[in-house]
Amino acid sequence: MVKNSIISILLLVLPVGCTTTDSSTVLPEDFVRKPVAEKTKIVNLAPGDSIELSVEVDGRMEVSGHRAELNYTGIVTLPLVGDVKIGNMTLSKARGAIAKTYGVYFVNTPVIMISRVDDAAVGEWGFVTVTGRVSKPGRVKIPSAKGLKLTAVIQEAGGFSASAKKSAIRISRTDKNGRKIQVEVDFGEIGRNGNLKADIDLMDGDSVYIPERIF
């Protein structure tokens, strides 16, 4: 009897800690900010980041202090090997991907030295990643615990490009349960109709994607 009771308790308790990776679309008013917690995560490379790379083979520097920026798809163009996709990787994983690519061109194993050019791109309160049709895709630092409005993020990213589809901006976030949620915003609603709910408060880890308008 006691044993059965313990099993029943475990069955009730275990699902509480479970998470899901299902993605769902919510309304702007439901896209609320979660409490700011102390940052402990390792920040991955994102579009707009710049790296500095050196490659040594058999004691000789084949590439020295080369700087390159990740484009909006997370690809960086490097000497000798061309394009390498390292977006959304830690520096450690990016080093491995670059080493594998350079390894094809050398008999002996290359030694890869890589660093982020501006680690200040990760502010105290985190960042929002902006991709798609803006002038300066990449990270936008959050200046305070209050977060950053969507309008301010677009401004920091240099504004929309001519081909931007402003009526279908997609914002993605991982909620406290590990669930991917997203919301679609019509940017024109903010100014045209004074819909303040559409000017969403963005927070650390959020992603903003501006699609291309089909002419």
N, C-alpha and C. Protein backbone atom coordinates (compact mmCIF):
# COMPACT_ATOMS: atom_id res chain seq x y z
N MET A 1 0.83 -1.21 0.00
CA MET A 1 0.00 0.00 0.00
C MET A 1 0.87 1.26 0.00
N VAL A 2 1.89 1.28 0.85
CA VAL A 2 2.80 2.42 0.92
C VAL A 2 3.53 2.60 -0.39
N LYS A 3 3.97 1.48 -0.97
CA LYS A 3 4.71 1.53 -2.23
C LYS A 3 3.85 2.13 -3.34
N ASN A 4 2.58 1.70 -3.41
CA ASN A 4 1.68 2.23 -4.42
C ASN A 4 1.44 3.73 -4.24
N SER A 5 1.38 4.17 -2.99
CA SER A 5 1.18 5.59 -2.70
C SER A 5 2.36 6.42 -3.18
N ILE A 6 3.57 5.89 -2.96
CA ILE A 6 4.79 6.61 -3.40
C ILE A 6 4.81 6.74 -4.91
N ILE A 7 4.43 5.67 -5.62
CA ILE A 7 4.41 5.70 -7.09
C ILE A 7 3.41 6.73 -7.58
N SER A 8 2.24 6.76 -6.91
CA SER A 8 1.21 7.71 -7.31
C SER A 8 1.68 9.15 -7.14
N ILE A 9 2.40 9.41 -6.04
CA ILE A 9 2.93 10.76 -5.79
C ILE A 9 3.94 11.16 -6.86
N LEU A 10 4.81 10.21 -7.25
CA LEU A 10 5.82 10.50 -8.27
C LEU A 10 5.16 10.81 -9.61
N LEU A 11 4.11 10.08 -9.94
CA LEU A 11 3.42 10.32 -11.20
C LEU A 11 2.78 11.69 -11.23
N LEU A 12 2.36 12.18 -10.08
CA LEU A 12 1.75 13.50 -10.00
C LEU A 12 2.79 14.60 -10.07
N VAL A 13 3.98 14.36 -9.50
CA VAL A 13 5.01 15.39 -9.38
C VAL A 13 5.84 15.53 -10.63
N LEU A 14 6.18 14.43 -11.28
CA LEU A 14 7.13 14.48 -12.37
C LEU A 14 6.73 15.39 -13.53
N PRO A 15 5.48 15.42 -13.98
CA PRO A 15 5.16 16.26 -15.13
C PRO A 15 5.35 17.75 -14.90
N VAL A 16 5.41 18.18 -13.65
CA VAL A 16 5.52 19.61 -13.36
C VAL A 16 6.78 20.21 -13.94
N GLY A 17 7.88 19.48 -13.92
CA GLY A 17 9.15 20.02 -14.39
C GLY A 17 9.37 19.83 -15.87
N CYS A 18 8.44 19.17 -16.55
CA CYS A 18 8.62 18.88 -17.96
C CYS A 18 8.46 20.15 -18.79
N THR A 19 9.15 20.20 -19.92
CA THR A 19 9.03 21.33 -20.83
C THR A 19 8.68 20.82 -22.22
N THR A 20 8.28 21.72 -23.06
CA THR A 20 7.94 21.35 -24.43
C THR A 20 8.57 22.34 -25.38
N THR A 21 8.88 21.89 -26.58
CA THR A 21 9.47 22.78 -27.59
C THR A 21 8.43 23.16 -28.63
N ASP A 22 7.16 22.83 -28.37
CA ASP A 22 6.11 23.21 -29.30
C ASP A 22 6.08 24.73 -29.47
N SER A 23 5.80 25.17 -30.69
CA SER A 23 5.72 26.60 -30.96
C SER A 23 4.27 26.99 -31.19
N SER A 24 3.86 28.11 -30.65
CA SER A 24 2.49 28.57 -30.86
C SER A 24 2.47 30.07 -31.02
N THR A 25 1.42 30.56 -31.68
CA THR A 25 1.26 32.00 -31.92
C THR A 25 0.29 32.57 -30.90
N VAL A 26 0.67 33.71 -30.33
CA VAL A 26 -0.17 34.35 -29.32
C VAL A 26 -0.51 35.76 -29.75
N LEU A 27 -1.42 36.40 -29.02
CA LEU A 27 -1.79 37.78 -29.28
C LEU A 27 -0.79 38.74 -28.64
N PRO A 28 -0.64 39.96 -29.17
CA PRO A 28 0.31 40.91 -28.59
C PRO A 28 0.11 41.13 -27.09
N GLU A 29 -1.15 41.19 -26.64
CA GLU A 29 -1.39 41.42 -25.22
C GLU A 29 -0.99 40.24 -24.35
N ASP A 30 -0.83 39.06 -24.97
CA ASP A 30 -0.40 37.88 -24.21
C ASP A 30 1.12 37.70 -24.23
N PHE A 31 1.78 38.53 -25.04
CA PHE A 31 3.23 38.41 -25.20
C PHE A 31 3.91 39.25 -24.13
N VAL A 32 3.80 38.82 -22.89
CA VAL A 32 4.27 39.61 -21.76
C VAL A 32 5.70 39.27 -21.41
N ARG A 33 6.36 40.22 -20.77
CA ARG A 33 7.74 40.02 -20.35
C ARG A 33 7.78 39.14 -19.12
N LYS A 34 8.76 38.25 -19.09
CA LYS A 34 8.95 37.44 -17.90
C LYS A 34 9.93 38.16 -16.98
N PRO A 35 9.96 37.84 -15.67
CA PRO A 35 10.85 38.52 -14.74
C PRO A 35 12.31 38.42 -15.16
N VAL A 36 13.04 39.49 -14.94
CA VAL A 36 14.46 39.50 -15.28
C VAL A 36 15.23 38.67 -14.27
N ALA A 37 15.99 37.71 -14.77
CA ALA A 37 16.78 36.85 -13.90
C ALA A 37 18.25 37.11 -14.15
N GLU A 38 19.07 36.69 -13.24
CA GLU A 38 20.51 36.87 -13.37
C GLU A 38 21.00 36.08 -14.58
N LYS A 39 21.81 36.71 -15.44
CA LYS A 39 22.29 36.06 -16.64
C LYS A 39 23.38 35.04 -16.31
N THR A 40 23.13 33.80 -16.74
CA THR A 40 24.12 32.75 -16.52
C THR A 40 24.43 32.01 -17.81
N LYS A 41 23.67 32.31 -18.87
CA LYS A 41 23.84 31.54 -20.09
C LYS A 41 25.04 32.03 -20.90
N ILE A 42 25.52 31.14 -21.77
CA ILE A 42 26.59 31.48 -22.69
C ILE A 42 25.94 32.04 -23.94
N VAL A 43 26.35 33.22 -24.35
CA VAL A 43 25.72 33.89 -25.49
C VAL A 43 26.30 33.38 -26.80
N ASN A 44 25.43 32.96 -27.70
CA ASN A 44 25.85 32.44 -29.00
C ASN A 44 26.13 33.57 -29.98
N LEU A 45 26.86 33.24 -31.02
CA LEU A 45 27.11 34.20 -32.09
C LEU A 45 25.83 34.46 -32.85
N ALA A 46 25.62 35.70 -33.27
CA ALA A 46 24.39 36.08 -33.95
C ALA A 46 24.72 36.97 -35.15
N PRO A 47 23.77 37.10 -36.10
CA PRO A 47 23.98 38.00 -37.24
C PRO A 47 24.40 39.39 -36.76
N GLY A 48 25.40 39.94 -37.44
CA GLY A 48 25.90 41.25 -37.07
C GLY A 48 27.12 41.20 -36.16
N ASP A 49 27.37 40.05 -35.51
CA ASP A 49 28.56 39.90 -34.68
C ASP A 49 29.81 39.86 -35.57
N SER A 50 30.92 40.31 -35.02
CA SER A 50 32.20 40.22 -35.72
C SER A 50 33.15 39.33 -34.94
N ILE A 51 33.93 38.55 -35.66
CA ILE A 51 34.93 37.69 -35.02
C ILE A 51 36.32 38.05 -35.53
N GLU A 52 37.31 37.70 -34.73
CA GLU A 52 38.71 37.82 -35.16
C GLU A 52 39.29 36.41 -35.21
N LEU A 53 39.90 36.07 -36.32
CA LEU A 53 40.36 34.69 -36.56
C LEU A 53 41.84 34.63 -36.90
N SER A 54 42.53 33.67 -36.30
CA SER A 54 43.89 33.34 -36.70
C SER A 54 43.97 31.82 -36.89
N VAL A 55 44.72 31.39 -37.89
CA VAL A 55 44.86 29.97 -38.20
C VAL A 55 46.35 29.64 -38.29
N GLU A 56 46.78 28.70 -37.46
CA GLU A 56 48.18 28.29 -37.44
C GLU A 56 48.29 26.83 -37.88
N VAL A 57 49.23 26.57 -38.80
CA VAL A 57 49.47 25.20 -39.26
C VAL A 57 50.97 24.95 -39.26
N ASP A 58 51.39 23.92 -38.52
CA ASP A 58 52.82 23.58 -38.42
C ASP A 58 53.67 24.76 -38.00
N GLY A 59 53.17 25.53 -37.05
CA GLY A 59 53.94 26.64 -36.52
C GLY A 59 53.94 27.88 -37.39
N ARG A 60 53.22 27.85 -38.51
CA ARG A 60 53.18 29.00 -39.40
C ARG A 60 51.76 29.57 -39.43
N MET A 61 51.66 30.91 -39.35
CA MET A 61 50.37 31.56 -39.37
C MET A 61 49.87 31.66 -40.80
N GLU A 62 48.84 30.90 -41.12
CA GLU A 62 48.24 30.95 -42.45
C GLU A 62 47.24 32.10 -42.54
N VAL A 63 46.59 32.38 -41.43
CA VAL A 63 45.66 33.51 -41.34
C VAL A 63 45.95 34.21 -40.01
N SER A 64 46.12 35.53 -40.03
CA SER A 64 46.47 36.23 -38.80
C SER A 64 45.57 37.44 -38.57
N GLY A 65 44.83 37.40 -37.47
CA GLY A 65 44.03 38.55 -37.06
C GLY A 65 42.99 38.99 -38.07
N HIS A 66 42.43 38.05 -38.79
CA HIS A 66 41.41 38.41 -39.79
C HIS A 66 40.07 38.67 -39.10
N ARG A 67 39.45 39.79 -39.44
CA ARG A 67 38.15 40.14 -38.86
C ARG A 67 37.06 40.00 -39.92
N ALA A 68 35.93 39.44 -39.50
CA ALA A 68 34.82 39.23 -40.42
C ALA A 68 33.51 39.30 -39.65
N GLU A 69 32.46 39.71 -40.33
CA GLU A 69 31.15 39.86 -39.70
C GLU A 69 30.19 38.79 -40.20
N LEU A 70 29.38 38.26 -39.29
CA LEU A 70 28.35 37.30 -39.67
C LEU A 70 27.22 38.04 -40.39
N ASN A 71 26.81 37.50 -41.54
CA ASN A 71 25.71 38.15 -42.25
C ASN A 71 24.36 37.75 -41.64
N TYR A 72 23.27 38.16 -42.25
CA TYR A 72 21.95 37.95 -41.63
C TYR A 72 21.54 36.49 -41.55
N THR A 73 22.24 35.61 -42.28
CA THR A 73 21.94 34.18 -42.20
C THR A 73 22.90 33.44 -41.27
N GLY A 74 23.82 34.17 -40.63
CA GLY A 74 24.77 33.53 -39.71
C GLY A 74 26.02 33.00 -40.39
N ILE A 75 26.25 33.41 -41.64
CA ILE A 75 27.42 32.94 -42.40
C ILE A 75 28.52 33.99 -42.34
N VAL A 76 29.75 33.52 -42.19
CA VAL A 76 30.91 34.40 -42.19
C VAL A 76 31.83 33.96 -43.33
N THR A 77 32.43 34.92 -44.04
CA THR A 77 33.33 34.62 -45.15
C THR A 77 34.77 34.74 -44.68
N LEU A 78 35.52 33.63 -44.83
CA LEU A 78 36.89 33.55 -44.29
C LEU A 78 37.91 33.32 -45.40
N PRO A 79 39.16 33.75 -45.17
CA PRO A 79 40.21 33.56 -46.18
C PRO A 79 40.44 32.08 -46.48
N LEU A 80 40.69 31.78 -47.73
CA LEU A 80 41.04 30.44 -48.24
C LEU A 80 39.84 29.50 -48.36
N VAL A 81 38.91 29.57 -47.42
CA VAL A 81 37.83 28.58 -47.40
C VAL A 81 36.46 29.14 -47.78
N GLY A 82 36.32 30.44 -47.78
CA GLY A 82 35.03 31.03 -48.16
C GLY A 82 34.01 31.04 -47.03
N ASP A 83 32.77 30.70 -47.35
CA ASP A 83 31.66 30.83 -46.40
C ASP A 83 31.60 29.67 -45.40
N VAL A 84 31.41 30.03 -44.13
CA VAL A 84 31.23 29.04 -43.06
C VAL A 84 30.05 29.51 -42.20
N LYS A 85 29.11 28.62 -41.96
CA LYS A 85 27.94 28.99 -41.15
C LYS A 85 28.24 28.74 -39.68
N ILE A 86 28.27 29.81 -38.88
CA ILE A 86 28.55 29.67 -37.45
C ILE A 86 27.52 30.41 -36.60
N GLY A 87 26.47 30.91 -37.23
CA GLY A 87 25.42 31.61 -36.48
C GLY A 87 24.75 30.71 -35.47
N ASN A 88 24.43 31.26 -34.32
CA ASN A 88 23.77 30.54 -33.22
C ASN A 88 24.66 29.48 -32.59
N MET A 89 25.97 29.62 -32.76
CA MET A 89 26.93 28.72 -32.11
C MET A 89 27.67 29.46 -31.01
N THR A 90 28.13 28.72 -30.00
CA THR A 90 29.06 29.30 -29.04
C THR A 90 30.41 29.46 -29.74
N LEU A 91 31.31 30.23 -29.14
CA LEU A 91 32.65 30.36 -29.73
C LEU A 91 33.34 29.01 -29.85
N SER A 92 33.12 28.14 -28.86
CA SER A 92 33.75 26.83 -28.87
C SER A 92 33.27 25.99 -30.06
N LYS A 93 31.96 25.98 -30.28
CA LYS A 93 31.42 25.21 -31.41
C LYS A 93 31.81 25.83 -32.74
N ALA A 94 31.85 27.18 -32.78
CA ALA A 94 32.27 27.85 -34.00
C ALA A 94 33.72 27.50 -34.33
N ARG A 95 34.56 27.42 -33.32
CA ARG A 95 35.96 27.04 -33.52
C ARG A 95 36.05 25.65 -34.15
N GLY A 96 35.22 24.74 -33.66
CA GLY A 96 35.23 23.39 -34.22
C GLY A 96 34.77 23.36 -35.66
N ALA A 97 33.72 24.13 -35.98
CA ALA A 97 33.22 24.17 -37.36
C ALA A 97 34.25 24.77 -38.31
N ILE A 98 34.93 25.82 -37.85
CA ILE A 98 35.95 26.46 -38.68
C ILE A 98 37.16 25.54 -38.85
N ALA A 99 37.54 24.86 -37.77
CA ALA A 99 38.67 23.92 -37.84
C ALA A 99 38.38 22.81 -38.84
N LYS A 100 37.16 22.31 -38.84
CA LYS A 100 36.78 21.24 -39.76
C LYS A 100 36.87 21.72 -41.20
N THR A 101 36.44 22.96 -41.43
CA THR A 101 36.47 23.52 -42.78
C THR A 101 37.90 23.72 -43.26
N TYR A 102 38.74 24.30 -42.40
CA TYR A 102 40.14 24.51 -42.80
C TYR A 102 40.89 23.19 -42.89
N GLY A 103 40.47 22.19 -42.12
CA GLY A 103 41.15 20.89 -42.13
C GLY A 103 41.14 20.22 -43.49
N VAL A 104 40.17 20.56 -44.32
CA VAL A 104 40.09 19.99 -45.67
C VAL A 104 41.24 20.48 -46.55
N TYR A 105 41.78 21.67 -46.23
CA TYR A 105 42.79 22.30 -47.08
C TYR A 105 44.23 22.04 -46.63
N PHE A 106 44.40 21.46 -45.44
CA PHE A 106 45.75 21.24 -44.92
C PHE A 106 45.93 19.78 -44.52
N VAL A 107 47.13 19.27 -44.72
CA VAL A 107 47.43 17.88 -44.34
C VAL A 107 47.42 17.74 -42.83
N ASN A 108 48.08 18.68 -42.14
CA ASN A 108 48.13 18.66 -40.68
C ASN A 108 47.00 19.49 -40.08
N THR A 109 46.62 19.14 -38.87
CA THR A 109 45.48 19.79 -38.21
C THR A 109 45.77 21.26 -37.93
N PRO A 110 44.92 22.15 -38.39
CA PRO A 110 45.13 23.58 -38.11
C PRO A 110 44.72 23.92 -36.68
N VAL A 111 45.41 24.91 -36.10
CA VAL A 111 45.05 25.42 -34.78
C VAL A 111 44.25 26.70 -35.00
N ILE A 112 43.01 26.71 -34.51
CA ILE A 112 42.12 27.84 -34.74
C ILE A 112 42.03 28.71 -33.49
N MET A 113 42.26 30.00 -33.66
CA MET A 113 42.10 30.97 -32.58
C MET A 113 41.02 31.95 -32.99
N ILE A 114 39.94 31.99 -32.21
CA ILE A 114 38.80 32.82 -32.57
C ILE A 114 38.31 33.58 -31.34
N SER A 115 37.92 34.81 -31.55
CA SER A 115 37.36 35.60 -30.45
C SER A 115 36.30 36.53 -31.02
N ARG A 116 35.37 36.92 -30.17
CA ARG A 116 34.38 37.92 -30.58
C ARG A 116 35.03 39.29 -30.50
N VAL A 117 34.89 40.07 -31.55
CA VAL A 117 35.56 41.37 -31.61
C VAL A 117 35.03 42.31 -30.54
N ASP A 118 33.71 42.32 -30.35
CA ASP A 118 33.11 43.26 -29.40
C ASP A 118 32.18 42.53 -28.45
N ASP A 119 32.74 42.01 -27.37
CA ASP A 119 31.90 41.33 -26.40
C ASP A 119 30.99 42.31 -25.67
N ALA A 120 31.24 43.61 -25.86
CA ALA A 120 30.35 44.60 -25.27
C ALA A 120 28.99 44.61 -25.97
N ALA A 121 28.89 43.85 -27.10
CA ALA A 121 27.62 43.75 -27.80
C ALA A 121 26.58 43.05 -26.94
N VAL A 122 27.05 42.36 -25.91
CA VAL A 122 26.13 41.74 -24.96
C VAL A 122 26.05 42.62 -23.74
N GLY A 123 25.00 43.40 -23.63
CA GLY A 123 24.88 44.33 -22.53
C GLY A 123 24.52 43.65 -21.23
N GLU A 124 24.51 44.42 -20.16
CA GLU A 124 24.19 43.89 -18.84
C GLU A 124 22.79 43.29 -18.80
N TRP A 125 21.88 43.87 -19.59
CA TRP A 125 20.50 43.41 -19.57
C TRP A 125 20.17 42.56 -20.79
N GLY A 126 21.20 42.15 -21.54
CA GLY A 126 20.99 41.25 -22.66
C GLY A 126 20.79 41.97 -23.98
N PHE A 127 20.18 41.28 -24.94
CA PHE A 127 20.05 41.83 -26.28
C PHE A 127 18.86 41.21 -27.00
N VAL A 128 18.46 41.88 -28.06
CA VAL A 128 17.43 41.39 -28.98
C VAL A 128 18.10 41.20 -30.33
N THR A 129 17.85 40.09 -31.00
CA THR A 129 18.43 39.83 -32.31
C THR A 129 17.43 40.22 -33.40
N VAL A 130 17.87 41.07 -34.32
CA VAL A 130 17.02 41.55 -35.41
C VAL A 130 17.57 41.02 -36.73
N THR A 131 16.71 40.33 -37.49
CA THR A 131 17.12 39.80 -38.80
C THR A 131 16.09 40.20 -39.84
N GLY A 132 16.46 40.01 -41.11
CA GLY A 132 15.54 40.33 -42.19
C GLY A 132 15.79 41.70 -42.77
N ARG A 133 14.72 42.36 -43.19
CA ARG A 133 14.82 43.59 -43.97
C ARG A 133 14.92 44.86 -43.12
N VAL A 134 16.09 45.00 -42.47
CA VAL A 134 16.46 46.24 -41.79
C VAL A 134 17.84 46.65 -42.28
N SER A 135 18.21 47.88 -42.01
CA SER A 135 19.50 48.38 -42.51
C SER A 135 20.69 47.71 -41.84
N LYS A 136 20.56 47.43 -40.52
CA LYS A 136 21.69 46.85 -39.78
C LYS A 136 21.22 45.63 -38.98
N PRO A 137 21.10 44.47 -39.63
CA PRO A 137 20.70 43.27 -38.89
C PRO A 137 21.75 42.93 -37.83
N GLY A 138 21.31 42.31 -36.75
CA GLY A 138 22.25 41.92 -35.70
C GLY A 138 21.66 42.12 -34.33
N ARG A 139 22.54 42.31 -33.34
CA ARG A 139 22.11 42.46 -31.96
C ARG A 139 21.84 43.92 -31.60
N VAL A 140 20.81 44.10 -30.81
CA VAL A 140 20.52 45.41 -30.24
C VAL A 140 20.55 45.25 -28.73
N LYS A 141 21.42 46.02 -28.07
CA LYS A 141 21.54 45.92 -26.62
C LYS A 141 20.32 46.49 -25.91
N ILE A 142 19.94 45.84 -24.83
CA ILE A 142 18.85 46.34 -23.99
C ILE A 142 19.47 47.21 -22.91
N PRO A 143 19.07 48.48 -22.80
CA PRO A 143 19.75 49.41 -21.91
C PRO A 143 19.41 49.29 -20.43
N SER A 144 18.27 48.65 -20.10
CA SER A 144 17.87 48.59 -18.70
C SER A 144 16.95 47.40 -18.47
N ALA A 145 16.61 47.18 -17.21
CA ALA A 145 15.72 46.07 -16.85
C ALA A 145 14.31 46.28 -17.39
N LYS A 146 13.99 47.49 -17.82
CA LYS A 146 12.66 47.77 -18.35
C LYS A 146 12.45 47.20 -19.74
N GLY A 147 13.52 46.69 -20.35
CA GLY A 147 13.40 46.15 -21.69
C GLY A 147 13.49 47.23 -22.75
N LEU A 148 12.99 46.92 -23.95
CA LEU A 148 13.11 47.85 -25.07
C LEU A 148 11.88 47.66 -25.97
N LYS A 149 11.25 48.75 -26.35
CA LYS A 149 10.08 48.68 -27.21
C LYS A 149 10.47 48.26 -28.63
N LEU A 150 9.51 47.66 -29.34
CA LEU A 150 9.75 47.24 -30.72
C LEU A 150 10.17 48.42 -31.58
N THR A 151 9.52 49.57 -31.42
CA THR A 151 9.86 50.75 -32.21
C THR A 151 11.32 51.16 -32.00
N ALA A 152 11.79 51.07 -30.75
CA ALA A 152 13.18 51.44 -30.44
C ALA A 152 14.16 50.45 -31.05
N VAL A 153 13.80 49.17 -31.04
CA VAL A 153 14.66 48.14 -31.61
C VAL A 153 14.83 48.35 -33.12
N ILE A 154 13.73 48.64 -33.81
CA ILE A 154 13.81 48.89 -35.25
C ILE A 154 14.68 50.11 -35.53
N GLN A 155 14.55 51.14 -34.71
CA GLN A 155 15.36 52.35 -34.88
C GLN A 155 16.84 52.03 -34.69
N GLU A 156 17.17 51.24 -33.65
CA GLU A 156 18.56 50.88 -33.38
C GLU A 156 19.14 50.02 -34.50
N ALA A 157 18.28 49.29 -35.19
CA ALA A 157 18.72 48.44 -36.31
C ALA A 157 18.81 49.22 -37.61
N GLY A 158 18.70 50.52 -37.53
CA GLY A 158 18.87 51.37 -38.71
C GLY A 158 17.61 51.61 -39.51
N GLY A 159 16.47 51.16 -38.99
CA GLY A 159 15.22 51.35 -39.72
C GLY A 159 14.98 50.27 -40.76
N PHE A 160 13.80 50.30 -41.35
CA PHE A 160 13.43 49.31 -42.36
C PHE A 160 14.15 49.56 -43.68
N SER A 161 14.43 48.48 -44.40
CA SER A 161 14.91 48.63 -45.78
C SER A 161 13.70 48.84 -46.68
N ALA A 162 13.96 49.22 -47.93
CA ALA A 162 12.86 49.56 -48.85
C ALA A 162 11.94 48.38 -49.11
N SER A 163 12.46 47.15 -49.01
CA SER A 163 11.66 45.97 -49.34
C SER A 163 10.99 45.33 -48.13
N ALA A 164 11.03 46.00 -46.97
CA ALA A 164 10.48 45.42 -45.75
C ALA A 164 8.97 45.30 -45.80
N LYS A 165 8.46 44.18 -45.32
CA LYS A 165 7.01 44.00 -45.17
C LYS A 165 6.67 44.32 -43.72
N LYS A 166 6.33 45.58 -43.46
CA LYS A 166 6.14 46.06 -42.10
C LYS A 166 4.88 45.51 -41.44
N SER A 167 3.98 44.98 -42.24
CA SER A 167 2.70 44.50 -41.70
C SER A 167 2.78 43.09 -41.14
N ALA A 168 3.94 42.44 -41.26
CA ALA A 168 4.03 41.03 -40.83
C ALA A 168 5.32 40.76 -40.07
N ILE A 169 5.67 41.65 -39.13
CA ILE A 169 6.87 41.46 -38.32
C ILE A 169 6.62 40.31 -37.35
N ARG A 170 7.57 39.36 -37.28
CA ARG A 170 7.42 38.21 -36.40
C ARG A 170 8.40 38.31 -35.23
N ILE A 171 7.87 38.21 -34.03
CA ILE A 171 8.69 38.25 -32.82
C ILE A 171 8.61 36.88 -32.15
N SER A 172 9.76 36.32 -31.81
CA SER A 172 9.82 34.99 -31.19
C SER A 172 10.44 35.07 -29.81
N ARG A 173 9.97 34.21 -28.91
CA ARG A 173 10.46 34.19 -27.53
C ARG A 173 10.33 32.78 -26.97
N THR A 174 11.21 32.42 -26.03
CA THR A 174 11.07 31.18 -25.28
C THR A 174 10.52 31.54 -23.91
N ASP A 175 9.36 30.97 -23.56
CA ASP A 175 8.76 31.32 -22.28
C ASP A 175 9.40 30.55 -21.13
N LYS A 176 8.92 30.78 -19.91
CA LYS A 176 9.55 30.19 -18.73
C LYS A 176 9.45 28.68 -18.69
N ASN A 177 8.55 28.10 -19.51
CA ASN A 177 8.40 26.64 -19.56
C ASN A 177 9.18 26.02 -20.71
N GLY A 178 9.98 26.82 -21.40
CA GLY A 178 10.77 26.32 -22.50
C GLY A 178 10.00 26.21 -23.80
N ARG A 179 8.79 26.79 -23.85
CA ARG A 179 7.94 26.72 -25.03
C ARG A 179 8.24 27.90 -25.95
N LYS A 180 8.37 27.63 -27.25
CA LYS A 180 8.58 28.68 -28.23
C LYS A 180 7.24 29.33 -28.56
N ILE A 181 7.17 30.64 -28.39
CA ILE A 181 5.97 31.36 -28.74
C ILE A 181 6.34 32.48 -29.71
N GLN A 182 5.39 32.89 -30.53
CA GLN A 182 5.66 33.98 -31.45
C GLN A 182 4.40 34.81 -31.66
N VAL A 183 4.60 36.03 -32.10
CA VAL A 183 3.49 36.94 -32.36
C VAL A 183 3.80 37.71 -33.64
N GLU A 184 2.78 38.01 -34.41
CA GLU A 184 2.95 38.79 -35.63
C GLU A 184 2.39 40.19 -35.40
N VAL A 185 3.15 41.18 -35.77
CA VAL A 185 2.80 42.58 -35.50
C VAL A 185 2.75 43.37 -36.80
N ASP A 186 1.69 44.16 -36.95
CA ASP A 186 1.60 45.13 -38.04
C ASP A 186 2.16 46.45 -37.51
N PHE A 187 3.36 46.81 -37.97
CA PHE A 187 4.04 47.99 -37.44
C PHE A 187 3.21 49.26 -37.66
N GLY A 188 2.44 49.28 -38.74
CA GLY A 188 1.63 50.46 -39.03
C GLY A 188 0.56 50.70 -37.99
N GLU A 189 0.14 49.65 -37.29
CA GLU A 189 -0.89 49.79 -36.26
C GLU A 189 -0.43 50.69 -35.11
N ILE A 190 0.87 50.71 -34.87
CA ILE A 190 1.40 51.47 -33.73
C ILE A 190 1.18 52.97 -33.93
N GLY A 191 1.54 53.46 -35.12
CA GLY A 191 1.40 54.89 -35.37
C GLY A 191 0.06 55.27 -35.95
N ARG A 192 -0.45 54.41 -36.86
CA ARG A 192 -1.68 54.76 -37.57
C ARG A 192 -2.90 54.76 -36.67
N ASN A 193 -3.01 53.72 -35.85
CA ASN A 193 -4.18 53.58 -34.99
C ASN A 193 -3.87 53.73 -33.51
N GLY A 194 -2.64 54.08 -33.19
CA GLY A 194 -2.26 54.28 -31.79
C GLY A 194 -2.39 53.03 -30.95
N ASN A 195 -2.13 51.86 -31.57
CA ASN A 195 -2.25 50.60 -30.85
C ASN A 195 -0.97 50.35 -30.06
N LEU A 196 -0.94 50.79 -28.81
CA LEU A 196 0.27 50.66 -28.00
C LEU A 196 0.60 49.21 -27.67
N LYS A 197 -0.39 48.33 -27.70
CA LYS A 197 -0.13 46.91 -27.43
C LYS A 197 0.75 46.30 -28.52
N ALA A 198 0.70 46.88 -29.72
CA ALA A 198 1.52 46.37 -30.81
C ALA A 198 2.99 46.75 -30.64
N ASP A 199 3.25 47.82 -29.84
CA ASP A 199 4.64 48.22 -29.58
C ASP A 199 5.14 47.41 -28.38
N ILE A 200 5.46 46.19 -28.65
CA ILE A 200 5.74 45.19 -27.61
C ILE A 200 7.03 45.49 -26.86
N ASP A 201 7.03 45.22 -25.56
CA ASP A 201 8.25 45.29 -24.75
C ASP A 201 9.08 44.06 -25.03
N LEU A 202 10.25 44.26 -25.61
CA LEU A 202 11.14 43.14 -25.93
C LEU A 202 12.14 42.94 -24.80
N MET A 203 12.67 41.71 -24.71
CA MET A 203 13.55 41.36 -23.61
C MET A 203 14.67 40.46 -24.08
N ASP A 204 15.57 40.18 -23.18
CA ASP A 204 16.76 39.39 -23.50
C ASP A 204 16.38 38.07 -24.17
N GLY A 205 17.01 37.80 -25.33
CA GLY A 205 16.79 36.54 -26.04
C GLY A 205 15.71 36.59 -27.10
N ASP A 206 14.92 37.67 -27.14
CA ASP A 206 13.88 37.77 -28.16
C ASP A 206 14.51 37.91 -29.55
N SER A 207 13.76 37.44 -30.56
CA SER A 207 14.19 37.59 -31.95
C SER A 207 13.11 38.32 -32.73
N VAL A 208 13.52 39.27 -33.57
CA VAL A 208 12.60 40.03 -34.40
C VAL A 208 12.98 39.77 -35.85
N TYR A 209 12.00 39.32 -36.64
CA TYR A 209 12.25 39.05 -38.07
C TYR A 209 11.34 39.91 -38.92
N ILE A 210 11.94 40.65 -39.86
CA ILE A 210 11.17 41.49 -40.77
C ILE A 210 11.25 40.86 -42.15
N PRO A 211 10.14 40.31 -42.66
CA PRO A 211 10.17 39.63 -43.96
C PRO A 211 10.25 40.60 -45.12
N GLU A 212 10.44 40.06 -46.31
CA GLU A 212 10.53 40.87 -47.52
C GLU A 212 9.15 41.01 -48.15
N ARG A 213 8.86 42.20 -48.61
CA ARG A 213 7.60 42.44 -49.31
C ARG A 213 7.70 41.95 -50.73
N ILE A 214 6.68 41.25 -51.20
CA ILE A 214 6.64 40.76 -52.57
C ILE A 214 6.01 41.84 -53.45
N PHE A 215 6.79 42.35 -54.37
CA PHE A 215 6.30 43.45 -55.22
C PHE A 215 5.39 42.91 -56.32
